[in-house]
ModelCIF file with pLDDT and N, C-alpha, C, O atoms, coordinates in Angstrom:
data_MODEL
#
_entry.id   MODEL 
#
_entity.id                         1 
_entity.type                       polymer 
_entity.pdbx_number_of_molecules   1 
#
_entity_poly.entity_id                      1 
_entity_poly.type                           'polypeptide(L)' 
_entity_poly.nstd_linkage                   no 
_entity_poly.nstd_monomer                   no 
_entity_poly.pdbx_seq_one_letter_code       
;(UNK)(UNK)(UNK)(UNK)(UNK)(UNK)(UNK)(UNK)(UNK)(UNK)(UNK)(UNK)(UNK)(UNK)(UNK)(UNK)
(UNK)(UNK)(UNK)(UNK)(UNK)(UNK)(UNK)(UNK)(UNK)(UNK)(UNK)(UNK)(UNK)(UNK)(UNK)(UNK)
(UNK)(UNK)(UNK)(UNK)(UNK)(UNK)(UNK)(UNK)
;
_entity_poly.pdbx_seq_one_letter_code_can   XXXXXXXXXXXXXXXXXXXXXXXXXXXXXXXXXXXXXXXX 
_entity_poly.pdbx_strand_id                 A 
#
loop_
_entity_poly_seq.entity_id 
_entity_poly_seq.num 
_entity_poly_seq.mon_id 
_entity_poly_seq.hetero 
1 1  UNK n 
1 2  UNK n 
1 3  UNK n 
1 4  UNK n 
1 5  UNK n 
1 6  UNK n 
1 7  UNK n 
1 8  UNK n 
1 9  UNK n 
1 10 UNK n 
1 11 UNK n 
1 12 UNK n 
1 13 UNK n 
1 14 UNK n 
1 15 UNK n 
1 16 UNK n 
1 17 UNK n 
1 18 UNK n 
1 19 UNK n 
1 20 UNK n 
1 21 UNK n 
1 22 UNK n 
1 23 UNK n 
1 24 UNK n 
1 25 UNK n 
1 26 UNK n 
1 27 UNK n 
1 28 UNK n 
1 29 UNK n 
1 30 UNK n 
1 31 UNK n 
1 32 UNK n 
1 33 UNK n 
1 34 UNK n 
1 35 UNK n 
1 36 UNK n 
1 37 UNK n 
1 38 UNK n 
1 39 UNK n 
1 40 UNK n 
#
_struct_asym.id          A 
_struct_asym.entity_id   1 
#
loop_
_ma_qa_metric.id 
_ma_qa_metric.mode 
_ma_qa_metric.name 
_ma_qa_metric.software_group_id 
_ma_qa_metric.type 
1 global pLDDT . pLDDT 
2 local  pLDDT . pLDDT 
#
_ma_qa_metric_global.metric_id      1 
_ma_qa_metric_global.metric_value   87.72 
_ma_qa_metric_global.model_id       1 
_ma_qa_metric_global.ordinal_id     1 
#
loop_
_ma_qa_metric_local.label_asym_id 
_ma_qa_metric_local.label_comp_id 
_ma_qa_metric_local.label_seq_id 
_ma_qa_metric_local.metric_id 
_ma_qa_metric_local.metric_value 
_ma_qa_metric_local.model_id 
_ma_qa_metric_local.ordinal_id 
A UNK 1  2 88.00 1 1  
A UNK 2  2 83.00 1 2  
A UNK 3  2 84.00 1 3  
A UNK 4  2 83.00 1 4  
A UNK 5  2 79.00 1 5  
A UNK 6  2 78.00 1 6  
A UNK 7  2 79.00 1 7  
A UNK 8  2 75.00 1 8  
A UNK 9  2 72.00 1 9  
A UNK 10 2 65.00 1 10 
A UNK 11 2 61.00 1 11 
A UNK 12 2 63.00 1 12 
A UNK 13 2 67.00 1 13 
A UNK 14 2 81.00 1 14 
A UNK 15 2 86.00 1 15 
A UNK 16 2 91.00 1 16 
A UNK 17 2 93.00 1 17 
A UNK 18 2 96.00 1 18 
A UNK 19 2 95.00 1 19 
A UNK 20 2 98.00 1 20 
A UNK 21 2 97.00 1 21 
A UNK 22 2 98.00 1 22 
A UNK 23 2 97.00 1 23 
A UNK 24 2 97.00 1 24 
A UNK 25 2 98.00 1 25 
A UNK 26 2 97.00 1 26 
A UNK 27 2 96.00 1 27 
A UNK 28 2 94.00 1 28 
A UNK 29 2 91.00 1 29 
A UNK 30 2 91.00 1 30 
A UNK 31 2 91.00 1 31 
A UNK 32 2 91.00 1 32 
A UNK 33 2 92.00 1 33 
A UNK 34 2 93.00 1 34 
A UNK 35 2 93.00 1 35 
A UNK 36 2 94.00 1 36 
A UNK 37 2 95.00 1 37 
A UNK 38 2 96.00 1 38 
A UNK 39 2 94.00 1 39 
A UNK 40 2 97.00 1 40 
#
loop_
_atom_site.group_PDB 
_atom_site.id 
_atom_site.type_symbol 
_atom_site.label_atom_id 
_atom_site.label_alt_id 
_atom_site.label_comp_id 
_atom_site.label_asym_id 
_atom_site.label_entity_id 
_atom_site.label_seq_id 
_atom_site.pdbx_PDB_ins_code 
_atom_site.Cartn_x 
_atom_site.Cartn_y 
_atom_site.Cartn_z 
_atom_site.occupancy 
_atom_site.B_iso_or_equiv 
_atom_site.pdbx_formal_charge 
_atom_site.auth_seq_id 
_atom_site.auth_comp_id 
_atom_site.auth_asym_id 
_atom_site.auth_atom_id 
_atom_site.pdbx_PDB_model_num 
ATOM 1   N N  . UNK A 1 1  ? 77.636 -46.489 -45.494 1.00 88.00 ? 1  UNK A N  1 
ATOM 2   C CA . UNK A 1 1  ? 77.815 -45.524 -46.417 1.00 88.00 ? 1  UNK A CA 1 
ATOM 3   C C  . UNK A 1 1  ? 78.891 -44.548 -46.150 1.00 88.00 ? 1  UNK A C  1 
ATOM 4   O O  . UNK A 1 1  ? 78.711 -43.703 -45.273 1.00 88.00 ? 1  UNK A O  1 
ATOM 5   N N  . UNK A 1 2  ? 80.015 -44.585 -46.836 1.00 83.00 ? 2  UNK A N  1 
ATOM 6   C CA . UNK A 1 2  ? 81.141 -43.933 -46.462 1.00 83.00 ? 2  UNK A CA 1 
ATOM 7   C C  . UNK A 1 2  ? 81.009 -42.438 -46.275 1.00 83.00 ? 2  UNK A C  1 
ATOM 8   O O  . UNK A 1 2  ? 81.793 -41.847 -45.533 1.00 83.00 ? 2  UNK A O  1 
ATOM 9   N N  . UNK A 1 3  ? 80.009 -41.781 -46.945 1.00 84.00 ? 3  UNK A N  1 
ATOM 10  C CA . UNK A 1 3  ? 79.686 -40.254 -46.756 1.00 84.00 ? 3  UNK A CA 1 
ATOM 11  C C  . UNK A 1 3  ? 79.136 -39.992 -45.458 1.00 84.00 ? 3  UNK A C  1 
ATOM 12  O O  . UNK A 1 3  ? 79.448 -39.074 -44.700 1.00 84.00 ? 3  UNK A O  1 
ATOM 13  N N  . UNK A 1 4  ? 78.168 -41.019 -45.259 1.00 83.00 ? 4  UNK A N  1 
ATOM 14  C CA . UNK A 1 4  ? 77.314 -41.070 -43.851 1.00 83.00 ? 4  UNK A CA 1 
ATOM 15  C C  . UNK A 1 4  ? 78.361 -41.247 -42.821 1.00 83.00 ? 4  UNK A C  1 
ATOM 16  O O  . UNK A 1 4  ? 78.299 -40.530 -41.822 1.00 83.00 ? 4  UNK A O  1 
ATOM 17  N N  . UNK A 1 5  ? 79.222 -42.026 -42.926 1.00 79.00 ? 5  UNK A N  1 
ATOM 18  C CA . UNK A 1 5  ? 80.198 -42.550 -41.807 1.00 79.00 ? 5  UNK A CA 1 
ATOM 19  C C  . UNK A 1 5  ? 81.110 -41.340 -41.594 1.00 79.00 ? 5  UNK A C  1 
ATOM 20  O O  . UNK A 1 5  ? 81.322 -40.969 -40.439 1.00 79.00 ? 5  UNK A O  1 
ATOM 21  N N  . UNK A 1 6  ? 81.653 -40.713 -42.610 1.00 78.00 ? 6  UNK A N  1 
ATOM 22  C CA . UNK A 1 6  ? 82.455 -39.538 -42.625 1.00 78.00 ? 6  UNK A CA 1 
ATOM 23  C C  . UNK A 1 6  ? 81.821 -38.433 -41.851 1.00 78.00 ? 6  UNK A C  1 
ATOM 24  O O  . UNK A 1 6  ? 82.401 -37.774 -40.987 1.00 78.00 ? 6  UNK A O  1 
ATOM 25  N N  . UNK A 1 7  ? 80.422 -38.264 -42.281 1.00 79.00 ? 7  UNK A N  1 
ATOM 26  C CA . UNK A 1 7  ? 79.784 -37.085 -41.654 1.00 79.00 ? 7  UNK A CA 1 
ATOM 27  C C  . UNK A 1 7  ? 79.532 -37.192 -40.058 1.00 79.00 ? 7  UNK A C  1 
ATOM 28  O O  . UNK A 1 7  ? 79.642 -36.267 -39.254 1.00 79.00 ? 7  UNK A O  1 
ATOM 29  N N  . UNK A 1 8  ? 79.198 -38.428 -39.805 1.00 75.00 ? 8  UNK A N  1 
ATOM 30  C CA . UNK A 1 8  ? 78.808 -38.747 -38.428 1.00 75.00 ? 8  UNK A CA 1 
ATOM 31  C C  . UNK A 1 8  ? 80.300 -38.638 -37.385 1.00 75.00 ? 8  UNK A C  1 
ATOM 32  O O  . UNK A 1 8  ? 80.325 -38.118 -36.269 1.00 75.00 ? 8  UNK A O  1 
ATOM 33  N N  . UNK A 1 9  ? 81.332 -39.198 -38.014 1.00 72.00 ? 9  UNK A N  1 
ATOM 34  C CA . UNK A 1 9  ? 82.511 -39.206 -37.340 1.00 72.00 ? 9  UNK A CA 1 
ATOM 35  C C  . UNK A 1 9  ? 83.419 -38.089 -37.240 1.00 72.00 ? 9  UNK A C  1 
ATOM 36  O O  . UNK A 1 9  ? 84.301 -38.033 -36.383 1.00 72.00 ? 9  UNK A O  1 
ATOM 37  N N  . UNK A 1 10 ? 83.205 -37.173 -38.137 1.00 65.00 ? 10 UNK A N  1 
ATOM 38  C CA . UNK A 1 10 ? 83.993 -36.122 -38.341 1.00 65.00 ? 10 UNK A CA 1 
ATOM 39  C C  . UNK A 1 10 ? 85.426 -36.269 -38.640 1.00 65.00 ? 10 UNK A C  1 
ATOM 40  O O  . UNK A 1 10 ? 85.736 -36.866 -39.670 1.00 65.00 ? 10 UNK A O  1 
ATOM 41  N N  . UNK A 1 11 ? 86.402 -35.764 -37.809 1.00 61.00 ? 11 UNK A N  1 
ATOM 42  C CA . UNK A 1 11 ? 87.753 -35.875 -38.226 1.00 61.00 ? 11 UNK A CA 1 
ATOM 43  C C  . UNK A 1 11 ? 88.440 -37.036 -37.468 1.00 61.00 ? 11 UNK A C  1 
ATOM 44  O O  . UNK A 1 11 ? 89.668 -37.035 -37.381 1.00 61.00 ? 11 UNK A O  1 
ATOM 45  N N  . UNK A 1 12 ? 87.724 -37.998 -36.933 1.00 63.00 ? 12 UNK A N  1 
ATOM 46  C CA . UNK A 1 12 ? 88.171 -38.921 -36.047 1.00 63.00 ? 12 UNK A CA 1 
ATOM 47  C C  . UNK A 1 12 ? 88.943 -40.152 -36.730 1.00 63.00 ? 12 UNK A C  1 
ATOM 48  O O  . UNK A 1 12 ? 89.280 -41.166 -36.119 1.00 63.00 ? 12 UNK A O  1 
ATOM 49  N N  . UNK A 1 13 ? 89.141 -39.937 -37.919 1.00 67.00 ? 13 UNK A N  1 
ATOM 50  C CA . UNK A 1 13 ? 89.705 -41.032 -38.695 1.00 67.00 ? 13 UNK A CA 1 
ATOM 51  C C  . UNK A 1 13 ? 88.803 -42.214 -39.172 1.00 67.00 ? 13 UNK A C  1 
ATOM 52  O O  . UNK A 1 13 ? 87.592 -42.152 -38.962 1.00 67.00 ? 13 UNK A O  1 
ATOM 53  N N  . UNK A 1 14 ? 89.346 -43.270 -39.798 1.00 81.00 ? 14 UNK A N  1 
ATOM 54  C CA . UNK A 1 14 ? 88.544 -44.302 -40.245 1.00 81.00 ? 14 UNK A CA 1 
ATOM 55  C C  . UNK A 1 14 ? 88.028 -45.063 -39.025 1.00 81.00 ? 14 UNK A C  1 
ATOM 56  O O  . UNK A 1 14 ? 88.739 -45.380 -38.072 1.00 81.00 ? 14 UNK A O  1 
ATOM 57  N N  . UNK A 1 15 ? 86.729 -45.326 -39.145 1.00 86.00 ? 15 UNK A N  1 
ATOM 58  C CA . UNK A 1 15 ? 86.102 -46.133 -37.901 1.00 86.00 ? 15 UNK A CA 1 
ATOM 59  C C  . UNK A 1 15 ? 84.913 -47.011 -38.387 1.00 86.00 ? 15 UNK A C  1 
ATOM 60  O O  . UNK A 1 15 ? 84.510 -46.908 -39.546 1.00 86.00 ? 15 UNK A O  1 
ATOM 61  N N  . UNK A 1 16 ? 84.397 -47.807 -37.569 1.00 91.00 ? 16 UNK A N  1 
ATOM 62  C CA . UNK A 1 16 ? 83.186 -48.401 -37.678 1.00 91.00 ? 16 UNK A CA 1 
ATOM 63  C C  . UNK A 1 16 ? 82.248 -47.582 -36.924 1.00 91.00 ? 16 UNK A C  1 
ATOM 64  O O  . UNK A 1 16 ? 82.628 -47.199 -35.817 1.00 91.00 ? 16 UNK A O  1 
ATOM 65  N N  . UNK A 1 17 ? 81.014 -47.225 -37.354 1.00 93.00 ? 17 UNK A N  1 
ATOM 66  C CA . UNK A 1 17 ? 79.845 -46.500 -36.648 1.00 93.00 ? 17 UNK A CA 1 
ATOM 67  C C  . UNK A 1 17 ? 78.655 -47.385 -36.669 1.00 93.00 ? 17 UNK A C  1 
ATOM 68  O O  . UNK A 1 17 ? 78.300 -47.999 -37.675 1.00 93.00 ? 17 UNK A O  1 
ATOM 69  N N  . UNK A 1 18 ? 78.152 -47.420 -35.714 1.00 96.00 ? 18 UNK A N  1 
ATOM 70  C CA . UNK A 1 18 ? 76.887 -48.312 -35.305 1.00 96.00 ? 18 UNK A CA 1 
ATOM 71  C C  . UNK A 1 18 ? 75.799 -47.415 -34.706 1.00 96.00 ? 18 UNK A C  1 
ATOM 72  O O  . UNK A 1 18 ? 76.019 -46.568 -33.841 1.00 96.00 ? 18 UNK A O  1 
ATOM 73  N N  . UNK A 1 19 ? 74.592 -47.684 -35.252 1.00 95.00 ? 19 UNK A N  1 
ATOM 74  C CA . UNK A 1 19 ? 73.386 -46.829 -34.695 1.00 95.00 ? 19 UNK A CA 1 
ATOM 75  C C  . UNK A 1 19 ? 72.810 -48.038 -33.624 1.00 95.00 ? 19 UNK A C  1 
ATOM 76  O O  . UNK A 1 19 ? 72.749 -49.197 -34.034 1.00 95.00 ? 19 UNK A O  1 
ATOM 77  N N  . UNK A 1 20 ? 72.469 -47.759 -32.481 1.00 98.00 ? 20 UNK A N  1 
ATOM 78  C CA . UNK A 1 20 ? 72.025 -48.430 -31.608 1.00 98.00 ? 20 UNK A CA 1 
ATOM 79  C C  . UNK A 1 20 ? 70.498 -48.511 -31.540 1.00 98.00 ? 20 UNK A C  1 
ATOM 80  O O  . UNK A 1 20 ? 70.013 -47.635 -30.824 1.00 98.00 ? 20 UNK A O  1 
ATOM 81  N N  . UNK A 1 21 ? 69.686 -49.287 -32.066 1.00 97.00 ? 21 UNK A N  1 
ATOM 82  C CA . UNK A 1 21 ? 68.270 -49.448 -32.114 1.00 97.00 ? 21 UNK A CA 1 
ATOM 83  C C  . UNK A 1 21 ? 67.830 -50.125 -30.817 1.00 97.00 ? 21 UNK A C  1 
ATOM 84  O O  . UNK A 1 21 ? 68.416 -51.156 -30.485 1.00 97.00 ? 21 UNK A O  1 
ATOM 85  N N  . UNK A 1 22 ? 66.925 -49.674 -30.113 1.00 98.00 ? 22 UNK A N  1 
ATOM 86  C CA . UNK A 1 22 ? 66.512 -50.130 -28.729 1.00 98.00 ? 22 UNK A CA 1 
ATOM 87  C C  . UNK A 1 22 ? 65.402 -51.085 -28.521 1.00 98.00 ? 22 UNK A C  1 
ATOM 88  O O  . UNK A 1 22 ? 64.327 -50.844 -29.070 1.00 98.00 ? 22 UNK A O  1 
ATOM 89  N N  . UNK A 1 23 ? 65.529 -52.055 -27.850 1.00 97.00 ? 23 UNK A N  1 
ATOM 90  C CA . UNK A 1 23 ? 64.354 -53.044 -27.341 1.00 97.00 ? 23 UNK A CA 1 
ATOM 91  C C  . UNK A 1 23 ? 63.983 -52.900 -25.932 1.00 97.00 ? 23 UNK A C  1 
ATOM 92  O O  . UNK A 1 23 ? 62.890 -53.306 -25.540 1.00 97.00 ? 23 UNK A O  1 
ATOM 93  N N  . UNK A 1 24 ? 64.998 -52.234 -24.992 1.00 97.00 ? 24 UNK A N  1 
ATOM 94  C CA . UNK A 1 24 ? 64.548 -51.834 -23.546 1.00 97.00 ? 24 UNK A CA 1 
ATOM 95  C C  . UNK A 1 24 ? 65.562 -50.914 -23.183 1.00 97.00 ? 24 UNK A C  1 
ATOM 96  O O  . UNK A 1 24 ? 66.630 -50.790 -23.782 1.00 97.00 ? 24 UNK A O  1 
ATOM 97  N N  . UNK A 1 25 ? 65.183 -50.237 -22.133 1.00 98.00 ? 25 UNK A N  1 
ATOM 98  C CA . UNK A 1 25 ? 66.029 -49.395 -21.336 1.00 98.00 ? 25 UNK A CA 1 
ATOM 99  C C  . UNK A 1 25 ? 65.523 -49.317 -19.855 1.00 98.00 ? 25 UNK A C  1 
ATOM 100 O O  . UNK A 1 25 ? 64.337 -49.296 -19.524 1.00 98.00 ? 25 UNK A O  1 
ATOM 101 N N  . UNK A 1 26 ? 66.600 -49.277 -19.017 1.00 97.00 ? 26 UNK A N  1 
ATOM 102 C CA . UNK A 1 26 ? 66.191 -49.482 -17.550 1.00 97.00 ? 26 UNK A CA 1 
ATOM 103 C C  . UNK A 1 26 ? 67.088 -48.169 -16.913 1.00 97.00 ? 26 UNK A C  1 
ATOM 104 O O  . UNK A 1 26 ? 68.191 -47.860 -17.363 1.00 97.00 ? 26 UNK A O  1 
ATOM 105 N N  . UNK A 1 27 ? 66.516 -47.563 -15.956 1.00 96.00 ? 27 UNK A N  1 
ATOM 106 C CA . UNK A 1 27 ? 67.071 -46.630 -15.065 1.00 96.00 ? 27 UNK A CA 1 
ATOM 107 C C  . UNK A 1 27 ? 66.516 -47.026 -13.495 1.00 96.00 ? 27 UNK A C  1 
ATOM 108 O O  . UNK A 1 27 ? 65.353 -47.038 -13.091 1.00 96.00 ? 27 UNK A O  1 
ATOM 109 N N  . UNK A 1 28 ? 67.742 -47.336 -12.780 1.00 94.00 ? 28 UNK A N  1 
ATOM 110 C CA . UNK A 1 28 ? 67.748 -47.715 -11.483 1.00 94.00 ? 28 UNK A CA 1 
ATOM 111 C C  . UNK A 1 28 ? 68.102 -46.910 -10.569 1.00 94.00 ? 28 UNK A C  1 
ATOM 112 O O  . UNK A 1 28 ? 69.091 -46.251 -10.891 1.00 94.00 ? 28 UNK A O  1 
ATOM 113 N N  . UNK A 1 29 ? 67.556 -46.619 -9.208  1.00 91.00 ? 29 UNK A N  1 
ATOM 114 C CA . UNK A 1 29 ? 67.917 -45.506 -8.371  1.00 91.00 ? 29 UNK A CA 1 
ATOM 115 C C  . UNK A 1 29 ? 67.337 -46.023 -6.892  1.00 91.00 ? 29 UNK A C  1 
ATOM 116 O O  . UNK A 1 29 ? 66.413 -46.818 -6.723  1.00 91.00 ? 29 UNK A O  1 
ATOM 117 N N  . UNK A 1 30 ? 68.035 -45.436 -5.996  1.00 91.00 ? 30 UNK A N  1 
ATOM 118 C CA . UNK A 1 30 ? 67.533 -45.821 -4.670  1.00 91.00 ? 30 UNK A CA 1 
ATOM 119 C C  . UNK A 1 30 ? 67.190 -44.568 -3.988  1.00 91.00 ? 30 UNK A C  1 
ATOM 120 O O  . UNK A 1 30 ? 67.886 -43.565 -4.146  1.00 91.00 ? 30 UNK A O  1 
ATOM 121 N N  . UNK A 1 31 ? 65.981 -44.577 -3.116  1.00 91.00 ? 31 UNK A N  1 
ATOM 122 C CA . UNK A 1 31 ? 65.400 -43.512 -2.473  1.00 91.00 ? 31 UNK A CA 1 
ATOM 123 C C  . UNK A 1 31 ? 64.982 -44.163 -1.090  1.00 91.00 ? 31 UNK A C  1 
ATOM 124 O O  . UNK A 1 31 ? 64.137 -45.058 -1.067  1.00 91.00 ? 31 UNK A O  1 
ATOM 125 N N  . UNK A 1 32 ? 65.625 -43.669 0.124   1.00 91.00 ? 32 UNK A N  1 
ATOM 126 C CA . UNK A 1 32 ? 65.541 -44.249 1.252   1.00 91.00 ? 32 UNK A CA 1 
ATOM 127 C C  . UNK A 1 32 ? 65.790 -45.608 1.377   1.00 91.00 ? 32 UNK A C  1 
ATOM 128 O O  . UNK A 1 32 ? 66.966 -45.887 1.145   1.00 91.00 ? 32 UNK A O  1 
ATOM 129 N N  . UNK A 1 33 ? 65.124 -46.489 1.647   1.00 92.00 ? 33 UNK A N  1 
ATOM 130 C CA . UNK A 1 33 ? 65.255 -47.887 1.798   1.00 92.00 ? 33 UNK A CA 1 
ATOM 131 C C  . UNK A 1 33 ? 64.689 -48.742 0.538   1.00 92.00 ? 33 UNK A C  1 
ATOM 132 O O  . UNK A 1 33 ? 64.738 -49.971 0.488   1.00 92.00 ? 33 UNK A O  1 
ATOM 133 N N  . UNK A 1 34 ? 64.169 -47.947 -0.424  1.00 93.00 ? 34 UNK A N  1 
ATOM 134 C CA . UNK A 1 34 ? 63.625 -48.556 -1.642  1.00 93.00 ? 34 UNK A CA 1 
ATOM 135 C C  . UNK A 1 34 ? 64.466 -48.423 -2.957  1.00 93.00 ? 34 UNK A C  1 
ATOM 136 O O  . UNK A 1 34 ? 64.911 -47.335 -3.323  1.00 93.00 ? 34 UNK A O  1 
ATOM 137 N N  . UNK A 1 35 ? 64.645 -49.508 -3.599  1.00 93.00 ? 35 UNK A N  1 
ATOM 138 C CA . UNK A 1 35 ? 65.397 -49.416 -5.042  1.00 93.00 ? 35 UNK A CA 1 
ATOM 139 C C  . UNK A 1 35 ? 64.172 -49.335 -6.124  1.00 93.00 ? 35 UNK A C  1 
ATOM 140 O O  . UNK A 1 35 ? 63.145 -50.010 -6.041  1.00 93.00 ? 35 UNK A O  1 
ATOM 141 N N  . UNK A 1 36 ? 64.412 -48.558 -6.971  1.00 94.00 ? 36 UNK A N  1 
ATOM 142 C CA . UNK A 1 36 ? 63.362 -48.306 -8.056  1.00 94.00 ? 36 UNK A CA 1 
ATOM 143 C C  . UNK A 1 36 ? 63.904 -48.834 -9.420  1.00 94.00 ? 36 UNK A C  1 
ATOM 144 O O  . UNK A 1 36 ? 65.112 -49.003 -9.590  1.00 94.00 ? 36 UNK A O  1 
ATOM 145 N N  . UNK A 1 37 ? 63.004 -49.082 -10.359 1.00 95.00 ? 37 UNK A N  1 
ATOM 146 C CA . UNK A 1 37 ? 63.399 -49.576 -11.642 1.00 95.00 ? 37 UNK A CA 1 
ATOM 147 C C  . UNK A 1 37 ? 62.498 -48.979 -12.632 1.00 95.00 ? 37 UNK A C  1 
ATOM 148 O O  . UNK A 1 37 ? 61.379 -49.449 -12.838 1.00 95.00 ? 37 UNK A O  1 
ATOM 149 N N  . UNK A 1 38 ? 62.931 -48.011 -13.216 1.00 96.00 ? 38 UNK A N  1 
ATOM 150 C CA . UNK A 1 38 ? 61.908 -47.401 -14.421 1.00 96.00 ? 38 UNK A CA 1 
ATOM 151 C C  . UNK A 1 38 ? 62.293 -48.262 -15.647 1.00 96.00 ? 38 UNK A C  1 
ATOM 152 O O  . UNK A 1 38 ? 63.464 -48.230 -16.027 1.00 96.00 ? 38 UNK A O  1 
ATOM 153 N N  . UNK A 1 39 ? 61.436 -48.987 -16.255 1.00 94.00 ? 39 UNK A N  1 
ATOM 154 C CA . UNK A 1 39 ? 61.663 -49.935 -17.207 1.00 94.00 ? 39 UNK A CA 1 
ATOM 155 C C  . UNK A 1 39 ? 60.799 -49.748 -18.409 1.00 94.00 ? 39 UNK A C  1 
ATOM 156 O O  . UNK A 1 39 ? 59.581 -49.906 -18.325 1.00 94.00 ? 39 UNK A O  1 
ATOM 157 N N  . UNK A 1 40 ? 61.458 -49.378 -19.661 1.00 97.00 ? 40 UNK A N  1 
ATOM 158 C CA . UNK A 1 40 ? 60.788 -49.245 -20.945 1.00 97.00 ? 40 UNK A CA 1 
ATOM 159 C C  . UNK A 1 40 ? 60.974 -50.465 -21.752 1.00 97.00 ? 40 UNK A C  1 
ATOM 160 O O  . UNK A 1 40 ? 60.479 -50.543 -22.876 1.00 97.00 ? 40 UNK A O  1 
#
């Protein structure tokens, strides 16, 4: 929708805009000698 694209991008000129719908998310970090994964 051109009005929605213009509203979301502001004054950045003409562009494609995509909403990212998620199926998974992962955060990985190290603590001591252990690597952890929070996985949704």
